[in-house]
C-alpha cells in the first residue's frame, strides 16, 4: 500500500489583517509533530507556487485561508470545491502577486493537474484591510479561532491517513471532519 500524501497550504497576506489567518495556522502546525507524508507550507500570496505544488499528486490538499461568507468573525468553515466543475480557461487571470484559491485551482486544471481531493478550511474575517497602509496582526475573534483551526486541520490529516485523531487533534466542535 502506498503512503497517503497530504499538503496543508497556508494562504494569505500578513500585511492585510485577518487575511493572514492561513499563514498563522500553518506557522503553528509546522511547530507540531505531524505524521510522515504530510507537507505543511506557507504559500502566502504565491499562487503559482501553490499551483505547482498541487500538481504533485497529493491525496488531500487542505487550503487554509480567510473566507468571508457573512458569518460572525472567527467562524470556521470547511468547504470541498468541485474541481471538476472549474473552468480551466479562467486561469488566465492568475496574478503572481496575489492568490485566489479558485484561480489557482483553475490554473492547476489548465496545466492538466488532477487534484484528488481539496478542502478549504476558512475563517470568517473581521478585517481584511486593503488600504494603502495595510494592517498587521489578526483581530481578536480570528486569533481566537487559530487553535481550533489547527485542531481541525490535524483531525482532517488523521482522517486522510486513516489514523484516529488524538486528544491534541480534536477539532473543537465548530466543524468536524
N, C-alpha and C. Protein backbone atom coordinates (compact mmCIF):
# COMPACT_ATOMS: atom_id res chain seq x y z
N UNK A 1 0.84 -1.19 0.00
CA UNK A 1 0.00 0.00 0.00
C UNK A 1 0.89 1.25 0.00
N UNK A 2 0.56 2.21 -0.85
CA UNK A 2 1.35 3.44 -0.90
C UNK A 2 0.93 4.38 0.22
N UNK A 3 1.88 5.14 0.67
CA UNK A 3 1.64 6.09 1.74
C UNK A 3 0.78 7.25 1.23
N UNK A 4 -0.21 7.63 2.00
CA UNK A 4 -1.04 8.78 1.66
C UNK A 4 -0.21 10.05 1.83
N UNK A 5 -0.46 11.01 0.95
CA UNK A 5 0.27 12.28 1.00
C UNK A 5 -0.72 13.41 1.17
N UNK A 6 -0.41 14.31 2.10
CA UNK A 6 -1.29 15.44 2.41
C UNK A 6 -0.49 16.72 2.34
N UNK A 7 -1.06 17.73 1.69
CA UNK A 7 -0.49 19.07 1.65
C UNK A 7 -1.40 19.99 2.45
N UNK A 8 -0.82 20.74 3.37
CA UNK A 8 -1.55 21.79 4.08
C UNK A 8 -0.92 23.10 3.65
N UNK A 9 -1.71 23.94 3.00
CA UNK A 9 -1.21 25.18 2.41
C UNK A 9 -1.81 26.39 3.11
N UNK A 10 -0.97 27.18 3.75
CA UNK A 10 -1.40 28.44 4.34
C UNK A 10 -1.43 29.51 3.28
N UNK A 11 -2.54 30.22 3.20
CA UNK A 11 -2.74 31.25 2.19
C UNK A 11 -3.05 32.56 2.90
N UNK A 12 -2.48 33.65 2.40
CA UNK A 12 -2.85 34.95 2.94
C UNK A 12 -1.71 35.94 2.92
N UNK A 13 -2.07 37.17 3.16
CA UNK A 13 -1.14 38.29 3.15
C UNK A 13 -1.01 38.82 4.57
N UNK A 14 0.17 38.72 5.15
CA UNK A 14 0.37 39.14 6.54
C UNK A 14 0.22 40.64 6.74
N UNK A 15 0.17 41.40 5.66
CA UNK A 15 0.01 42.85 5.77
C UNK A 15 -1.44 43.30 5.66
N UNK A 16 -2.37 42.35 5.60
CA UNK A 16 -3.78 42.71 5.43
C UNK A 16 -4.66 42.12 6.54
N UNK A 17 -4.25 42.32 7.77
CA UNK A 17 -5.08 41.93 8.91
C UNK A 17 -5.42 40.46 8.92
N UNK A 18 -6.71 40.16 8.96
CA UNK A 18 -7.18 38.78 9.09
C UNK A 18 -6.89 37.93 7.85
N UNK A 19 -6.45 38.54 6.77
CA UNK A 19 -6.06 37.76 5.60
C UNK A 19 -4.89 36.83 5.94
N UNK A 20 -4.19 37.10 7.03
CA UNK A 20 -3.05 36.28 7.44
C UNK A 20 -3.48 35.02 8.20
N UNK A 21 -4.75 34.74 8.31
CA UNK A 21 -5.24 33.59 9.07
C UNK A 21 -4.55 32.29 8.64
N UNK A 22 -4.54 31.99 7.37
CA UNK A 22 -3.95 30.74 6.89
C UNK A 22 -2.47 30.65 7.19
N UNK A 23 -1.78 31.76 7.08
CA UNK A 23 -0.35 31.82 7.36
C UNK A 23 -0.10 31.50 8.84
N UNK A 24 -0.92 32.05 9.72
CA UNK A 24 -0.76 31.81 11.15
C UNK A 24 -1.07 30.37 11.52
N UNK A 25 -2.08 29.78 10.91
CA UNK A 25 -2.42 28.38 11.19
C UNK A 25 -1.25 27.47 10.81
N UNK A 26 -0.68 27.65 9.62
CA UNK A 26 0.43 26.77 9.22
C UNK A 26 1.69 27.06 10.03
N UNK A 27 1.87 28.29 10.47
CA UNK A 27 3.02 28.60 11.34
C UNK A 27 2.94 27.76 12.61
N UNK A 28 1.75 27.62 13.15
CA UNK A 28 1.60 26.79 14.35
C UNK A 28 1.72 25.31 14.03
N UNK A 29 1.21 24.90 12.89
CA UNK A 29 1.27 23.48 12.53
C UNK A 29 2.70 22.98 12.33
N UNK A 30 3.56 23.80 11.74
CA UNK A 30 4.93 23.34 11.49
C UNK A 30 5.69 23.12 12.79
N UNK A 31 5.23 23.71 13.87
CA UNK A 31 5.90 23.54 15.17
C UNK A 31 5.40 22.29 15.90
N UNK A 32 4.45 21.58 15.31
CA UNK A 32 3.87 20.40 15.96
C UNK A 32 4.32 19.13 15.24
N UNK A 33 4.33 18.02 15.96
CA UNK A 33 4.67 16.76 15.29
C UNK A 33 3.55 16.34 14.36
N UNK A 34 3.91 16.01 13.13
CA UNK A 34 2.92 15.57 12.14
C UNK A 34 3.39 14.25 11.54
N UNK A 35 2.46 13.44 11.08
CA UNK A 35 2.83 12.14 10.51
C UNK A 35 3.64 12.28 9.22
N UNK A 36 4.34 11.19 8.89
CA UNK A 36 5.04 11.13 7.61
C UNK A 36 4.02 11.31 6.48
N UNK A 37 4.46 11.90 5.40
CA UNK A 37 3.59 12.10 4.25
C UNK A 37 2.83 13.41 4.27
N UNK A 38 3.04 14.21 5.32
CA UNK A 38 2.34 15.49 5.44
C UNK A 38 3.34 16.62 5.19
N UNK A 39 2.99 17.48 4.26
CA UNK A 39 3.79 18.68 3.98
C UNK A 39 2.95 19.89 4.38
N UNK A 40 3.50 20.75 5.21
CA UNK A 40 2.84 21.98 5.63
C UNK A 40 3.68 23.13 5.11
N UNK A 41 3.05 24.06 4.39
CA UNK A 41 3.81 25.16 3.79
C UNK A 41 3.02 26.46 3.81
N UNK A 42 3.73 27.54 4.03
CA UNK A 42 3.17 28.89 3.96
C UNK A 42 3.36 29.37 2.52
N UNK A 43 2.26 29.44 1.76
CA UNK A 43 2.33 29.93 0.39
C UNK A 43 2.07 31.42 0.32
N UNK A 44 1.59 32.01 1.41
CA UNK A 44 1.35 33.44 1.42
C UNK A 44 0.49 33.86 0.24
N UNK A 45 1.06 34.69 -0.63
CA UNK A 45 0.34 35.18 -1.81
C UNK A 45 0.93 34.61 -3.10
N UNK A 46 1.68 33.52 -2.99
CA UNK A 46 2.35 32.95 -4.15
C UNK A 46 1.47 31.90 -4.83
N UNK A 47 0.53 32.36 -5.63
CA UNK A 47 -0.41 31.48 -6.30
C UNK A 47 0.22 30.49 -7.25
N UNK A 48 1.23 30.91 -7.99
CA UNK A 48 1.89 29.99 -8.93
C UNK A 48 2.59 28.87 -8.17
N UNK A 49 3.24 29.20 -7.07
CA UNK A 49 3.91 28.17 -6.27
C UNK A 49 2.91 27.14 -5.76
N UNK A 50 1.76 27.61 -5.30
CA UNK A 50 0.72 26.70 -4.83
C UNK A 50 0.21 25.83 -5.97
N UNK A 51 -0.01 26.41 -7.13
CA UNK A 51 -0.49 25.64 -8.28
C UNK A 51 0.49 24.52 -8.62
N UNK A 52 1.77 24.84 -8.64
CA UNK A 52 2.76 23.80 -8.94
C UNK A 52 2.81 22.73 -7.85
N UNK A 53 2.64 23.13 -6.60
CA UNK A 53 2.61 22.14 -5.52
C UNK A 53 1.41 21.21 -5.68
N UNK A 54 0.28 21.75 -6.10
CA UNK A 54 -0.93 20.93 -6.28
C UNK A 54 -0.80 19.97 -7.45
N UNK A 55 0.13 20.22 -8.34
CA UNK A 55 0.38 19.28 -9.44
C UNK A 55 1.11 18.02 -8.97
N UNK A 56 1.56 18.03 -7.73
CA UNK A 56 2.39 16.95 -7.20
C UNK A 56 1.58 15.77 -6.63
N UNK A 57 0.37 15.59 -7.09
CA UNK A 57 -0.46 14.42 -6.79
C UNK A 57 -0.62 14.10 -5.31
N UNK A 58 -1.02 15.06 -4.53
CA UNK A 58 -1.35 14.80 -3.13
C UNK A 58 -2.71 14.11 -3.07
N UNK A 59 -2.87 13.23 -2.10
CA UNK A 59 -4.16 12.57 -1.91
C UNK A 59 -5.18 13.54 -1.34
N UNK A 60 -4.70 14.48 -0.54
CA UNK A 60 -5.54 15.52 0.04
C UNK A 60 -4.73 16.80 0.12
N UNK A 61 -5.34 17.91 -0.30
CA UNK A 61 -4.74 19.23 -0.10
C UNK A 61 -5.73 20.04 0.72
N UNK A 62 -5.24 20.59 1.82
CA UNK A 62 -6.05 21.43 2.69
C UNK A 62 -5.53 22.85 2.55
N UNK A 63 -6.36 23.71 1.98
CA UNK A 63 -6.01 25.12 1.82
C UNK A 63 -6.60 25.87 3.01
N UNK A 64 -5.79 26.63 3.72
CA UNK A 64 -6.24 27.35 4.91
C UNK A 64 -6.17 28.83 4.59
N UNK A 65 -7.32 29.51 4.74
CA UNK A 65 -7.40 30.89 4.27
C UNK A 65 -8.50 31.63 5.01
N UNK A 66 -8.45 32.97 4.96
CA UNK A 66 -9.57 33.78 5.40
C UNK A 66 -10.68 33.57 4.38
N UNK A 67 -11.91 33.46 4.85
CA UNK A 67 -13.00 33.10 3.95
C UNK A 67 -14.26 33.87 4.31
N UNK A 68 -14.44 35.07 3.72
CA UNK A 68 -15.63 35.86 4.04
C UNK A 68 -16.89 35.22 3.44
N UNK A 69 -17.80 34.82 4.33
CA UNK A 69 -19.06 34.20 3.90
C UNK A 69 -20.27 34.84 4.60
N UNK A 70 -20.05 35.88 5.39
CA UNK A 70 -21.16 36.58 6.03
C UNK A 70 -21.45 36.14 7.45
N UNK A 71 -20.66 35.23 8.00
CA UNK A 71 -20.87 34.77 9.38
C UNK A 71 -20.21 35.70 10.39
N UNK A 72 -20.27 35.28 11.63
CA UNK A 72 -19.62 36.04 12.69
C UNK A 72 -18.11 35.89 12.56
N UNK A 73 -17.35 36.97 12.78
CA UNK A 73 -15.90 36.86 12.71
C UNK A 73 -15.39 35.74 13.62
N UNK A 74 -14.48 34.92 13.09
CA UNK A 74 -13.92 33.80 13.83
C UNK A 74 -14.61 32.48 13.54
N UNK A 75 -15.73 32.52 12.81
CA UNK A 75 -16.43 31.28 12.45
C UNK A 75 -15.57 30.48 11.49
N UNK A 76 -15.44 29.18 11.75
CA UNK A 76 -14.67 28.31 10.87
C UNK A 76 -15.59 27.58 9.91
N UNK A 77 -15.09 27.37 8.70
CA UNK A 77 -15.82 26.67 7.66
C UNK A 77 -14.91 25.61 7.05
N UNK A 78 -15.51 24.53 6.59
CA UNK A 78 -14.79 23.56 5.78
C UNK A 78 -15.60 23.38 4.50
N UNK A 79 -14.97 23.66 3.37
CA UNK A 79 -15.62 23.54 2.07
C UNK A 79 -14.83 22.57 1.22
N UNK A 80 -15.54 21.86 0.35
CA UNK A 80 -14.86 20.99 -0.61
C UNK A 80 -15.29 21.44 -2.00
N UNK A 81 -14.42 22.23 -2.67
CA UNK A 81 -14.79 22.72 -4.00
C UNK A 81 -14.86 21.59 -5.01
N UNK A 82 -15.74 21.74 -5.97
CA UNK A 82 -15.88 20.77 -7.06
C UNK A 82 -14.89 21.17 -8.15
N UNK A 83 -13.70 20.60 -8.08
CA UNK A 83 -12.63 20.95 -9.01
C UNK A 83 -13.03 20.62 -10.44
N UNK A 84 -13.77 19.54 -10.62
CA UNK A 84 -14.18 19.13 -11.97
C UNK A 84 -15.06 20.19 -12.63
N UNK A 85 -15.77 20.97 -11.84
CA UNK A 85 -16.67 21.99 -12.39
C UNK A 85 -15.96 23.31 -12.72
N UNK A 86 -14.71 23.45 -12.32
CA UNK A 86 -13.99 24.69 -12.59
C UNK A 86 -13.60 24.78 -14.05
N UNK A 87 -13.56 26.01 -14.54
CA UNK A 87 -13.23 26.27 -15.94
C UNK A 87 -11.73 26.57 -16.06
N UNK A 88 -11.01 25.70 -16.73
CA UNK A 88 -9.57 25.90 -16.90
C UNK A 88 -9.25 27.19 -17.62
N UNK A 89 -10.15 27.67 -18.47
CA UNK A 89 -9.90 28.92 -19.22
C UNK A 89 -9.83 30.12 -18.28
N UNK A 90 -10.40 30.03 -17.08
CA UNK A 90 -10.36 31.13 -16.12
C UNK A 90 -8.98 31.36 -15.55
N UNK A 91 -8.06 30.45 -15.78
CA UNK A 91 -6.72 30.54 -15.20
C UNK A 91 -5.90 31.69 -15.76
N UNK A 92 -6.29 32.26 -16.87
CA UNK A 92 -5.51 33.33 -17.46
C UNK A 92 -5.43 34.56 -16.57
N UNK A 93 -6.34 34.69 -15.59
CA UNK A 93 -6.36 35.87 -14.73
C UNK A 93 -5.50 35.72 -13.48
N UNK A 94 -4.73 34.64 -13.36
CA UNK A 94 -3.91 34.44 -12.16
C UNK A 94 -2.83 35.51 -12.11
N UNK A 95 -2.68 36.12 -10.94
CA UNK A 95 -1.69 37.17 -10.72
C UNK A 95 -0.57 36.60 -9.85
N UNK A 96 0.66 36.83 -10.22
CA UNK A 96 1.80 36.28 -9.49
C UNK A 96 1.95 36.87 -8.09
N UNK A 97 1.29 37.98 -7.79
CA UNK A 97 1.49 38.64 -6.50
C UNK A 97 0.25 38.62 -5.61
N UNK A 98 -0.76 37.91 -6.00
CA UNK A 98 -1.94 37.73 -5.16
C UNK A 98 -2.34 36.27 -5.25
N UNK A 99 -3.29 35.88 -4.43
CA UNK A 99 -3.73 34.49 -4.50
C UNK A 99 -5.23 34.42 -4.30
N UNK A 100 -5.87 33.77 -5.21
CA UNK A 100 -7.28 33.45 -5.14
C UNK A 100 -7.35 31.94 -5.32
N UNK A 101 -7.73 31.20 -4.29
CA UNK A 101 -7.71 29.74 -4.40
C UNK A 101 -8.47 29.19 -5.60
N UNK A 102 -9.58 29.80 -5.96
CA UNK A 102 -10.33 29.32 -7.13
C UNK A 102 -9.50 29.48 -8.40
N UNK A 103 -8.85 30.64 -8.54
CA UNK A 103 -8.00 30.87 -9.72
C UNK A 103 -6.83 29.89 -9.75
N UNK A 104 -6.27 29.60 -8.57
CA UNK A 104 -5.17 28.63 -8.50
C UNK A 104 -5.66 27.26 -8.96
N UNK A 105 -6.83 26.85 -8.51
CA UNK A 105 -7.37 25.55 -8.92
C UNK A 105 -7.67 25.52 -10.42
N UNK A 106 -8.11 26.64 -10.97
CA UNK A 106 -8.32 26.72 -12.43
C UNK A 106 -6.99 26.58 -13.16
N UNK A 107 -5.94 27.19 -12.62
CA UNK A 107 -4.61 27.08 -13.22
C UNK A 107 -4.13 25.63 -13.18
N UNK A 108 -4.33 24.96 -12.07
CA UNK A 108 -3.93 23.55 -11.96
C UNK A 108 -4.66 22.73 -13.02
N UNK A 109 -5.94 22.99 -13.18
CA UNK A 109 -6.72 22.27 -14.18
C UNK A 109 -6.22 22.58 -15.59
N UNK A 110 -5.86 23.85 -15.84
CA UNK A 110 -5.35 24.24 -17.16
C UNK A 110 -4.01 23.56 -17.46
N UNK A 111 -3.26 23.22 -16.42
CA UNK A 111 -1.98 22.54 -16.60
C UNK A 111 -2.16 21.01 -16.54
N UNK A 112 -3.39 20.57 -16.75
CA UNK A 112 -3.74 19.14 -16.74
C UNK A 112 -3.51 18.47 -15.40
N UNK A 113 -3.52 19.24 -14.33
CA UNK A 113 -3.43 18.65 -13.00
C UNK A 113 -4.77 18.05 -12.61
N UNK A 114 -4.72 17.02 -11.82
CA UNK A 114 -5.92 16.32 -11.38
C UNK A 114 -5.88 16.18 -9.85
N UNK A 115 -6.12 17.26 -9.11
CA UNK A 115 -6.10 17.13 -7.65
C UNK A 115 -7.12 16.08 -7.20
N UNK A 116 -6.69 15.22 -6.30
CA UNK A 116 -7.58 14.15 -5.85
C UNK A 116 -8.69 14.69 -4.97
N UNK A 117 -8.31 15.41 -3.92
CA UNK A 117 -9.32 15.98 -3.02
C UNK A 117 -8.76 17.28 -2.47
N UNK A 118 -9.60 18.30 -2.50
CA UNK A 118 -9.23 19.62 -1.98
C UNK A 118 -10.24 19.99 -0.91
N UNK A 119 -9.76 20.45 0.23
CA UNK A 119 -10.61 21.03 1.26
C UNK A 119 -10.11 22.44 1.52
N UNK A 120 -11.03 23.32 1.82
CA UNK A 120 -10.67 24.68 2.23
C UNK A 120 -11.14 24.83 3.67
N UNK A 121 -10.20 25.09 4.57
CA UNK A 121 -10.53 25.41 5.95
C UNK A 121 -10.41 26.91 6.04
N UNK A 122 -11.55 27.55 6.22
CA UNK A 122 -11.57 29.01 6.20
C UNK A 122 -12.09 29.58 7.49
N UNK A 123 -11.77 30.84 7.71
CA UNK A 123 -12.21 31.56 8.89
C UNK A 123 -12.83 32.88 8.45
N UNK A 124 -13.99 33.17 9.01
CA UNK A 124 -14.66 34.44 8.73
C UNK A 124 -13.82 35.58 9.29
N UNK A 125 -13.36 36.49 8.44
CA UNK A 125 -12.52 37.60 8.93
C UNK A 125 -13.36 38.71 9.53
N UNK A 126 -12.74 39.46 10.44
CA UNK A 126 -13.35 40.70 10.94
C UNK A 126 -12.83 41.86 10.11
N UNK A 127 -11.55 41.75 9.71
CA UNK A 127 -10.93 42.81 8.91
C UNK A 127 -10.11 42.20 7.79
N UNK A 128 -10.20 42.80 6.65
CA UNK A 128 -9.33 42.49 5.51
C UNK A 128 -8.88 43.83 4.95
N UNK A 129 -7.99 44.48 5.68
CA UNK A 129 -7.58 45.83 5.31
C UNK A 129 -6.82 45.83 4.00
N UNK A 130 -7.41 46.51 3.02
CA UNK A 130 -6.77 46.61 1.72
C UNK A 130 -6.39 48.04 1.39
N UNK A 131 -6.37 48.91 2.41
CA UNK A 131 -5.97 50.29 2.11
C UNK A 131 -4.45 50.35 1.94
N UNK A 132 -3.96 51.53 1.65
CA UNK A 132 -2.54 51.68 1.35
C UNK A 132 -1.63 51.34 2.53
N UNK A 133 -2.12 51.51 3.76
CA UNK A 133 -1.29 51.26 4.92
C UNK A 133 -1.31 49.81 5.37
N UNK A 134 -2.38 49.07 5.06
CA UNK A 134 -2.48 47.69 5.49
C UNK A 134 -2.67 47.60 6.99
N UNK A 135 -2.56 46.40 7.52
CA UNK A 135 -2.70 46.18 8.95
C UNK A 135 -2.02 44.87 9.32
N UNK A 136 -1.19 44.92 10.32
CA UNK A 136 -0.50 43.71 10.79
C UNK A 136 -1.30 43.12 11.95
N UNK A 137 -1.37 41.80 12.00
CA UNK A 137 -1.99 41.12 13.13
C UNK A 137 -3.43 40.75 12.87
N UNK A 138 -3.83 39.67 13.53
CA UNK A 138 -5.21 39.19 13.41
C UNK A 138 -6.11 39.89 14.42
N UNK A 139 -7.37 40.03 14.07
CA UNK A 139 -8.36 40.56 15.01
C UNK A 139 -8.56 39.54 16.13
N UNK A 140 -9.11 39.97 17.24
CA UNK A 140 -9.31 39.08 18.40
C UNK A 140 -10.13 37.84 18.07
N UNK A 141 -11.28 37.95 17.35
CA UNK A 141 -12.04 36.72 17.09
C UNK A 141 -11.33 35.75 16.16
N UNK A 142 -10.58 36.25 15.21
CA UNK A 142 -9.85 35.38 14.29
C UNK A 142 -8.66 34.75 15.00
N UNK A 143 -7.97 35.52 15.82
CA UNK A 143 -6.86 34.98 16.62
C UNK A 143 -7.37 33.86 17.52
N UNK A 144 -8.55 34.04 18.10
CA UNK A 144 -9.12 33.02 18.99
C UNK A 144 -9.48 31.74 18.23
N UNK A 145 -9.70 31.83 16.93
CA UNK A 145 -10.07 30.66 16.13
C UNK A 145 -8.87 29.87 15.61
N UNK A 146 -7.67 30.40 15.74
CA UNK A 146 -6.48 29.76 15.17
C UNK A 146 -6.24 28.38 15.78
N UNK A 147 -6.26 28.26 17.11
CA UNK A 147 -6.00 26.96 17.74
C UNK A 147 -7.06 25.93 17.34
N UNK A 148 -8.30 26.36 17.28
CA UNK A 148 -9.37 25.45 16.84
C UNK A 148 -9.13 25.00 15.40
N UNK A 149 -8.69 25.91 14.56
CA UNK A 149 -8.41 25.56 13.17
C UNK A 149 -7.23 24.58 13.08
N UNK A 150 -6.23 24.76 13.90
CA UNK A 150 -5.10 23.83 13.93
C UNK A 150 -5.61 22.43 14.27
N UNK A 151 -6.44 22.32 15.29
CA UNK A 151 -7.01 21.03 15.66
C UNK A 151 -7.88 20.44 14.57
N UNK A 152 -8.61 21.28 13.90
CA UNK A 152 -9.46 20.83 12.79
C UNK A 152 -8.62 20.29 11.64
N UNK A 153 -7.57 21.00 11.28
CA UNK A 153 -6.68 20.53 10.21
C UNK A 153 -6.02 19.21 10.62
N UNK A 154 -5.57 19.12 11.86
CA UNK A 154 -4.96 17.87 12.33
C UNK A 154 -5.96 16.71 12.27
N UNK A 155 -7.22 16.98 12.57
CA UNK A 155 -8.24 15.93 12.50
C UNK A 155 -8.45 15.47 11.06
N UNK A 156 -8.44 16.40 10.11
CA UNK A 156 -8.58 16.03 8.69
C UNK A 156 -7.36 15.25 8.22
N UNK A 157 -6.18 15.63 8.69
CA UNK A 157 -4.97 14.89 8.33
C UNK A 157 -5.08 13.45 8.85
N UNK A 158 -5.46 13.30 10.12
CA UNK A 158 -5.58 11.97 10.71
C UNK A 158 -6.59 11.13 9.94
N UNK A 159 -7.69 11.73 9.59
CA UNK A 159 -8.72 11.01 8.83
C UNK A 159 -8.18 10.57 7.47
N UNK A 160 -7.46 11.47 6.79
CA UNK A 160 -6.92 11.14 5.47
C UNK A 160 -5.90 10.02 5.54
N UNK A 161 -5.16 9.97 6.64
CA UNK A 161 -4.13 8.96 6.80
C UNK A 161 -4.65 7.69 7.47
N UNK A 162 -5.94 7.68 7.79
CA UNK A 162 -6.53 6.50 8.41
C UNK A 162 -6.14 6.32 9.86
N UNK A 163 -5.79 7.41 10.53
CA UNK A 163 -5.41 7.37 11.94
C UNK A 163 -6.52 7.97 12.78
N UNK A 164 -6.74 7.43 13.98
CA UNK A 164 -7.73 8.08 14.86
C UNK A 164 -7.16 9.41 15.37
N UNK A 165 -8.00 10.44 15.41
CA UNK A 165 -7.50 11.71 15.94
C UNK A 165 -7.22 11.58 17.42
N UNK A 166 -6.07 12.05 17.86
CA UNK A 166 -5.71 12.01 19.27
C UNK A 166 -6.29 13.19 19.99
N UNK A 167 -6.09 13.28 21.31
CA UNK A 167 -6.63 14.39 22.09
C UNK A 167 -6.16 15.74 21.58
N UNK A 168 -4.91 15.81 21.10
CA UNK A 168 -4.40 17.09 20.61
C UNK A 168 -4.94 17.43 19.24
N UNK A 169 -5.67 16.48 18.62
CA UNK A 169 -6.18 16.71 17.28
C UNK A 169 -7.67 16.96 17.24
N UNK A 170 -8.30 17.11 18.35
CA UNK A 170 -9.75 17.34 18.36
C UNK A 170 -10.07 18.64 17.66
N UNK A 171 -11.14 18.64 16.89
CA UNK A 171 -11.49 19.80 16.09
C UNK A 171 -12.18 20.91 16.84
N UNK A 172 -12.57 20.71 18.09
CA UNK A 172 -13.15 21.78 18.88
C UNK A 172 -14.63 21.94 18.73
N UNK A 173 -15.27 21.23 17.82
CA UNK A 173 -16.71 21.21 17.77
C UNK A 173 -17.39 22.10 16.74
N UNK A 174 -16.77 23.18 16.25
CA UNK A 174 -17.47 24.04 15.31
C UNK A 174 -17.77 23.33 14.01
N UNK A 175 -16.80 22.65 13.49
CA UNK A 175 -16.94 21.89 12.26
C UNK A 175 -16.14 20.62 12.46
N UNK A 176 -16.72 19.48 12.21
CA UNK A 176 -15.99 18.23 12.42
C UNK A 176 -15.76 17.51 11.10
N UNK A 177 -14.65 16.80 10.97
CA UNK A 177 -14.41 16.05 9.75
C UNK A 177 -15.31 14.82 9.66
